[in-house]
Protein backbone atom coordinates (compact mmCIF):
# COMPACT_ATOMS: atom_id res chain seq x y z
CA UNK A 1 0.38 -15.80 9.55
CA UNK A 2 0.14 -11.88 8.47
CA UNK A 3 1.63 -9.19 10.40
CA UNK A 4 1.19 -5.32 10.35
CA UNK A 5 4.74 -4.21 10.42
CA UNK A 6 6.79 -5.35 7.10
CA UNK A 7 9.39 -6.00 9.65
CA UNK A 8 8.29 -8.09 11.59
CA UNK A 9 6.81 -10.02 8.74
CA UNK A 10 10.11 -10.66 7.30
CA UNK A 11 11.35 -12.18 11.08
CA UNK A 12 8.49 -15.38 11.17
CA UNK A 13 8.88 -17.97 8.63
CA UNK A 14 6.24 -17.66 6.05
CA UNK A 15 5.15 -14.58 7.20
CA UNK A 16 3.30 -11.89 4.88
CA UNK A 17 2.06 -8.23 5.78
CA UNK A 18 -1.45 -7.81 5.87
CA UNK A 19 -2.09 -5.52 2.86
CA UNK A 20 0.30 -8.04 0.71
CA UNK A 21 -1.25 -10.96 2.23
CA UNK A 22 -5.38 -10.20 1.72
CA UNK A 23 -4.19 -7.53 -0.74
CA UNK A 24 -5.72 -4.81 1.38
CA UNK A 25 -6.34 -1.34 -0.13
CA UNK A 26 -3.74 1.61 1.20
CA UNK A 27 -5.98 4.15 1.44
CA UNK A 28 -8.55 2.33 3.96
CA UNK A 29 -9.48 5.55 5.98
CA UNK A 30 -10.82 7.19 2.82
CA UNK A 31 -12.42 4.16 1.39
CA UNK A 32 -15.84 3.43 3.39
CA UNK A 33 -16.31 0.14 2.31
CA UNK A 34 -13.16 -1.49 1.28
CA UNK A 35 -12.73 -5.12 0.14
CA UNK A 36 -10.08 -7.57 -0.29
CA UNK A 37 -8.80 -6.81 -3.92
CA UNK A 38 -8.37 -10.60 -4.26
CA UNK A 39 -8.83 -12.53 -7.87
CA UNK A 40 -11.05 -14.76 -7.92
CA UNK A 41 -8.77 -17.55 -9.49
CA UNK A 42 -6.15 -17.25 -7.78
CA UNK A 43 -4.23 -19.44 -5.52
CA UNK A 44 -4.96 -17.11 -2.29
CA UNK A 45 -9.02 -17.69 -2.87
CA UNK A 46 -8.20 -21.64 -2.05
CA UNK A 47 -6.24 -20.89 0.95
CA UNK A 48 -9.03 -18.23 2.49
CA UNK A 49 -11.30 -21.05 1.38
CA UNK A 50 -10.43 -24.07 3.25
CA UNK A 51 -8.46 -22.45 6.04
CA UNK A 52 -9.33 -22.50 9.20
CA UNK A 53 -7.38 -20.22 11.33
CA UNK A 54 -5.61 -16.34 10.58
CA UNK A 55 -3.18 -15.39 12.93
CA UNK A 56 -2.99 -11.43 12.61
CA UNK A 57 -0.06 -10.40 14.52
CA UNK A 58 0.34 -6.62 15.62
CA UNK A 59 -3.12 -6.48 14.57
CA UNK A 60 -3.17 -3.28 16.62
CA UNK A 61 -1.68 -0.57 14.01
CA UNK A 62 -4.69 -1.36 11.51
CA UNK A 63 -6.95 0.61 11.02
CA UNK A 64 -10.96 -1.21 11.84
CA UNK A 65 -11.51 -1.01 8.26
CA UNK A 66 -9.01 -3.51 6.96
CA UNK A 67 -11.05 -6.14 9.70
CA UNK A 68 -14.27 -5.23 8.36
CA UNK A 69 -12.83 -5.75 4.36
CA UNK A 70 -11.47 -9.40 5.72
CA UNK A 71 -14.73 -9.77 7.02
CA UNK A 72 -16.62 -9.14 4.34
CA UNK A 73 -14.23 -10.84 1.80
CA UNK A 74 -13.86 -13.84 3.57
CA UNK A 75 -18.01 -14.46 3.75
CA UNK A 76 -18.33 -14.15 0.08
CA UNK A 77 -15.49 -15.87 -0.67
CA UNK A 78 -16.68 -18.83 1.39
CA UNK A 79 -20.77 -18.17 0.97
CA UNK A 80 -20.73 -18.11 4.84
CA UNK A 81 -22.16 -14.97 6.66
CA UNK A 82 -21.22 -15.63 10.15
CA UNK A 83 -18.51 -13.36 11.07
CA UNK A 84 -15.04 -13.69 8.65
CA UNK A 85 -17.28 -16.40 6.89
CA UNK A 86 -16.88 -19.43 10.22
CA UNK A 87 -12.74 -18.51 10.47
CA UNK A 88 -11.28 -18.39 13.15
CA UNK A 89 -9.42 -15.19 13.57
CA UNK A 90 -6.05 -14.54 15.83
CA UNK A 91 -5.77 -11.11 16.84
CA UNK A 92 -2.01 -10.09 19.07
CA UNK A 93 -1.04 -7.02 20.01
CA UNK A 94 -1.09 -4.44 22.56
CA UNK A 95 -3.80 -2.11 22.19
CA UNK A 96 -1.71 0.19 24.58
CA UNK A 97 1.02 0.75 21.59
CA UNK A 98 0.22 2.40 17.98
CA UNK A 99 -2.44 3.59 16.74
CA UNK A 100 -3.19 3.09 13.24
CA UNK A 101 -1.77 5.67 10.88
CA UNK A 102 -4.56 8.27 9.04
CA UNK A 103 -2.07 11.69 7.42
CA UNK A 104 -2.88 14.83 8.67
CA UNK A 105 -5.67 13.31 10.54
CA UNK A 106 -6.53 14.57 14.16
CA UNK A 107 -6.31 12.17 17.41
CA UNK A 108 -9.77 11.42 17.36
CA UNK A 109 -9.87 10.04 13.51
CA UNK A 110 -7.25 7.32 15.20
CA UNK A 111 -8.89 5.98 17.98
CA UNK A 112 -11.85 6.05 15.90
CA UNK A 113 -9.85 3.74 13.23
CA UNK A 114 -9.14 1.64 16.15
CA UNK A 115 -10.27 -2.09 15.92
CA UNK A 116 -12.33 -1.51 19.10
CA UNK A 117 -14.49 1.14 18.04
CA UNK A 118 -14.77 -1.53 15.00
CA UNK A 119 -18.53 -3.24 15.13
CA UNK A 120 -17.00 -6.90 14.18
CA UNK A 121 -15.15 -5.71 18.07
CA UNK A 122 -18.42 -7.73 20.13
CA UNK A 123 -17.10 -11.30 17.85
CA UNK A 124 -13.59 -10.79 20.29
CA UNK A 125 -12.84 -12.69 23.36
CA UNK A 126 -10.02 -10.58 24.89
CA UNK A 127 -6.89 -12.68 26.61
CA UNK A 128 -4.21 -11.07 28.98
CA UNK A 129 -0.54 -12.64 28.87
CA UNK A 130 0.90 -12.41 32.37
CA UNK A 131 4.32 -13.74 31.07
CA UNK A 132 6.87 -11.82 28.49
CA UNK A 133 7.48 -14.52 26.21
CA UNK A 134 10.01 -12.77 24.47
CA UNK A 135 12.21 -11.92 27.57
CA UNK A 136 12.40 -15.98 27.72
CA UNK A 137 13.78 -16.14 23.75
């Protein structure tokens, strides 16, 4: 399980931030074709080659290039040209909450950086929750 928020990631057993787990570049907005900086001989490569599902909580804070980086990396590591190398990506978050952070940028840049403006968004099936599960805890 990965999360865009450090605080949330520390609250989840085995959780990590997306940047830490996937080695995402921090300057996502200034890099045209970012990729995950995962060493070919790291343990994470084996995990990504064998996993069937990646759960990305609070993904709405992520820059759309983060999703593209993960897509490129998984296709490369798995030698599979399907979206995300054939791995199911479960994205969770409220699209009405927090936009990606782009320092000193106009609001239009933040909207253009949202996951919904990614060309990968057409592969997303949106599901809506009708019950507040956090209130049940």
